[in-house]
Amino acid sequence: MQGVVQVYDPQSGVGVIIREDNREKVFLRPGSLDGSIFRMLRQGQRVNFDLKSEDGVDYATRLRFGSDGY
């Protein structure tokens, strides 16, 4: 899955990614960057990620560098 970082707070580890396929929001929660190469995200940054759903809410996991194509 690919998307663009809408917002990220490095203090709390919480943020939002906008999916490119359907423009829906996917949330980042504390620990979402664990095991990824990222230590920080910036607004507008393109990322690839896996999707995990819990209690009807989608969360991004395993973040990787995104690209303009798949």
N, C-alpha and C. Protein backbone atom coordinates (compact mmCIF):
# COMPACT_ATOMS: atom_id res chain seq x y z
N MET A 1 0.84 -1.16 0.00
CA MET A 1 0.00 0.00 0.00
C MET A 1 0.90 1.24 0.00
N GLN A 2 0.46 2.29 -0.67
CA GLN A 2 1.25 3.51 -0.75
C GLN A 2 0.40 4.69 -0.33
N GLY A 3 1.05 5.69 0.27
CA GLY A 3 0.34 6.88 0.69
C GLY A 3 1.29 8.03 0.96
N VAL A 4 0.71 9.13 1.42
CA VAL A 4 1.46 10.35 1.71
C VAL A 4 1.18 10.76 3.15
N VAL A 5 2.24 11.12 3.85
CA VAL A 5 2.10 11.54 5.24
C VAL A 5 1.35 12.88 5.28
N GLN A 6 0.23 12.91 5.99
CA GLN A 6 -0.52 14.15 6.15
C GLN A 6 0.01 14.91 7.36
N VAL A 7 0.24 14.19 8.44
CA VAL A 7 0.74 14.81 9.66
C VAL A 7 1.43 13.74 10.49
N TYR A 8 2.48 14.15 11.24
CA TYR A 8 3.18 13.24 12.14
C TYR A 8 3.76 14.03 13.29
N ASP A 9 3.51 13.57 14.50
CA ASP A 9 4.05 14.19 15.70
C ASP A 9 5.12 13.27 16.29
N PRO A 10 6.40 13.65 16.16
CA PRO A 10 7.48 12.78 16.65
C PRO A 10 7.48 12.61 18.17
N GLN A 11 6.92 13.55 18.88
CA GLN A 11 6.86 13.44 20.35
C GLN A 11 5.94 12.30 20.79
N SER A 12 4.78 12.21 20.17
CA SER A 12 3.81 11.19 20.56
C SER A 12 3.87 9.94 19.70
N GLY A 13 4.43 10.07 18.47
CA GLY A 13 4.46 8.95 17.54
C GLY A 13 3.15 8.74 16.82
N VAL A 14 2.26 9.71 16.90
CA VAL A 14 0.93 9.62 16.28
C VAL A 14 0.93 10.42 14.99
N GLY A 15 0.20 9.91 13.99
CA GLY A 15 0.12 10.63 12.72
C GLY A 15 -0.96 10.06 11.83
N VAL A 16 -1.02 10.60 10.61
CA VAL A 16 -2.03 10.18 9.63
C VAL A 16 -1.35 10.09 8.26
N ILE A 17 -1.65 9.01 7.56
CA ILE A 17 -1.22 8.82 6.17
C ILE A 17 -2.48 8.79 5.32
N ILE A 18 -2.45 9.44 4.16
CA ILE A 18 -3.56 9.40 3.22
C ILE A 18 -3.23 8.36 2.15
N ARG A 19 -4.07 7.33 2.06
CA ARG A 19 -3.87 6.29 1.06
C ARG A 19 -4.01 6.86 -0.33
N GLU A 20 -3.15 6.41 -1.25
CA GLU A 20 -3.22 6.92 -2.61
C GLU A 20 -4.32 6.26 -3.43
N ASP A 21 -4.71 5.04 -3.08
CA ASP A 21 -5.69 4.34 -3.90
C ASP A 21 -7.12 4.82 -3.68
N ASN A 22 -7.44 5.24 -2.45
CA ASN A 22 -8.82 5.66 -2.20
C ASN A 22 -8.94 6.93 -1.35
N ARG A 23 -7.81 7.55 -1.03
CA ARG A 23 -7.75 8.81 -0.27
C ARG A 23 -8.27 8.70 1.16
N GLU A 24 -8.39 7.48 1.68
CA GLU A 24 -8.81 7.30 3.07
C GLU A 24 -7.64 7.50 4.02
N LYS A 25 -7.96 7.84 5.25
CA LYS A 25 -6.93 8.06 6.27
C LYS A 25 -6.53 6.75 6.92
N VAL A 26 -5.24 6.59 7.13
CA VAL A 26 -4.68 5.47 7.87
C VAL A 26 -3.87 6.07 9.00
N PHE A 27 -4.06 5.57 10.19
CA PHE A 27 -3.43 6.18 11.35
C PHE A 27 -2.09 5.55 11.69
N LEU A 28 -1.22 6.39 12.20
CA LEU A 28 0.04 5.95 12.80
C LEU A 28 -0.15 6.08 14.29
N ARG A 29 0.25 5.09 15.00
CA ARG A 29 0.15 5.16 16.46
C ARG A 29 1.53 4.95 17.05
N PRO A 30 1.70 5.22 18.32
CA PRO A 30 3.01 5.03 18.93
C PRO A 30 3.53 3.62 18.64
N GLY A 31 4.75 3.54 18.16
CA GLY A 31 5.35 2.25 17.82
C GLY A 31 5.19 1.87 16.36
N SER A 32 4.45 2.66 15.58
CA SER A 32 4.27 2.34 14.16
C SER A 32 5.58 2.33 13.38
N LEU A 33 6.54 3.11 13.82
CA LEU A 33 7.83 3.18 13.12
C LEU A 33 8.82 2.13 13.62
N ASP A 34 8.47 1.39 14.68
CA ASP A 34 9.36 0.36 15.18
C ASP A 34 9.63 -0.67 14.08
N GLY A 35 10.90 -1.01 13.89
CA GLY A 35 11.27 -1.99 12.88
C GLY A 35 11.37 -1.42 11.48
N SER A 36 11.11 -0.13 11.30
CA SER A 36 11.25 0.48 9.98
C SER A 36 12.55 1.29 9.95
N ILE A 37 12.90 1.77 8.77
CA ILE A 37 14.11 2.57 8.63
C ILE A 37 13.89 4.01 9.07
N PHE A 38 12.63 4.38 9.29
CA PHE A 38 12.31 5.76 9.63
C PHE A 38 12.46 6.03 11.12
N ARG A 39 12.97 7.18 11.43
CA ARG A 39 12.98 7.69 12.80
C ARG A 39 12.09 8.92 12.89
N MET A 40 11.81 9.51 11.74
CA MET A 40 11.05 10.76 11.63
C MET A 40 10.32 10.75 10.30
N LEU A 41 9.15 11.32 10.25
CA LEU A 41 8.40 11.49 9.01
C LEU A 41 8.10 12.97 8.83
N ARG A 42 7.98 13.38 7.58
CA ARG A 42 7.64 14.78 7.32
C ARG A 42 6.37 14.84 6.48
N GLN A 43 5.65 15.92 6.61
CA GLN A 43 4.42 16.12 5.85
C GLN A 43 4.73 16.06 4.36
N GLY A 44 3.90 15.34 3.61
CA GLY A 44 4.08 15.22 2.16
C GLY A 44 5.00 14.09 1.74
N GLN A 45 5.62 13.42 2.69
CA GLN A 45 6.53 12.32 2.37
C GLN A 45 5.74 11.11 1.89
N ARG A 46 6.20 10.51 0.78
CA ARG A 46 5.54 9.34 0.22
C ARG A 46 6.12 8.09 0.89
N VAL A 47 5.24 7.20 1.33
CA VAL A 47 5.68 5.98 2.02
C VAL A 47 4.88 4.77 1.53
N ASN A 48 5.50 3.62 1.60
CA ASN A 48 4.81 2.35 1.42
C ASN A 48 4.61 1.77 2.81
N PHE A 49 3.53 1.02 3.00
CA PHE A 49 3.25 0.50 4.33
C PHE A 49 2.32 -0.71 4.22
N ASP A 50 2.27 -1.46 5.29
CA ASP A 50 1.30 -2.55 5.41
C ASP A 50 0.14 -2.03 6.24
N LEU A 51 -1.00 -2.63 6.04
CA LEU A 51 -2.21 -2.18 6.71
C LEU A 51 -2.62 -3.21 7.75
N LYS A 52 -2.91 -2.73 8.94
CA LYS A 52 -3.39 -3.59 10.02
C LYS A 52 -4.67 -2.96 10.56
N SER A 53 -5.72 -3.76 10.69
CA SER A 53 -7.00 -3.26 11.21
C SER A 53 -7.24 -3.82 12.60
N GLU A 54 -7.61 -2.93 13.51
CA GLU A 54 -7.98 -3.32 14.87
C GLU A 54 -9.20 -2.52 15.29
N ASP A 55 -10.21 -3.20 15.72
CA ASP A 55 -11.45 -2.56 16.18
C ASP A 55 -12.03 -1.61 15.14
N GLY A 56 -11.94 -1.99 13.86
CA GLY A 56 -12.52 -1.19 12.79
C GLY A 56 -11.70 0.02 12.38
N VAL A 57 -10.48 0.16 12.91
CA VAL A 57 -9.61 1.29 12.57
C VAL A 57 -8.38 0.74 11.85
N ASP A 58 -8.00 1.39 10.74
CA ASP A 58 -6.82 0.98 9.98
C ASP A 58 -5.57 1.68 10.50
N TYR A 59 -4.52 0.89 10.72
CA TYR A 59 -3.23 1.41 11.16
C TYR A 59 -2.14 1.02 10.17
N ALA A 60 -1.18 1.91 9.98
CA ALA A 60 -0.04 1.62 9.12
C ALA A 60 1.06 0.94 9.94
N THR A 61 1.68 -0.08 9.34
CA THR A 61 2.82 -0.76 9.95
C THR A 61 3.88 -1.00 8.87
N ARG A 62 5.09 -1.35 9.30
CA ARG A 62 6.20 -1.68 8.39
C ARG A 62 6.39 -0.61 7.31
N LEU A 63 6.60 0.63 7.70
CA LEU A 63 6.78 1.71 6.75
C LEU A 63 8.09 1.57 6.00
N ARG A 64 8.05 1.89 4.69
CA ARG A 64 9.20 1.85 3.80
C ARG A 64 9.16 3.09 2.91
N PHE A 65 10.26 3.38 2.27
CA PHE A 65 10.29 4.52 1.35
C PHE A 65 9.31 4.28 0.22
N GLY A 66 8.58 5.32 -0.15
CA GLY A 66 7.65 5.25 -1.25
C GLY A 66 8.31 5.74 -2.53
N SER A 67 7.60 5.56 -3.63
CA SER A 67 8.09 6.03 -4.92
C SER A 67 6.91 6.52 -5.74
N ASP A 68 7.20 7.05 -6.89
CA ASP A 68 6.14 7.55 -7.74
C ASP A 68 5.41 6.43 -8.46
N GLY A 69 6.00 5.26 -8.50
CA GLY A 69 5.35 4.10 -9.13
C GLY A 69 5.51 2.90 -8.23
N TYR A 70 4.84 1.85 -8.57
CA TYR A 70 4.92 0.63 -7.75
C TYR A 70 6.01 -0.27 -8.26
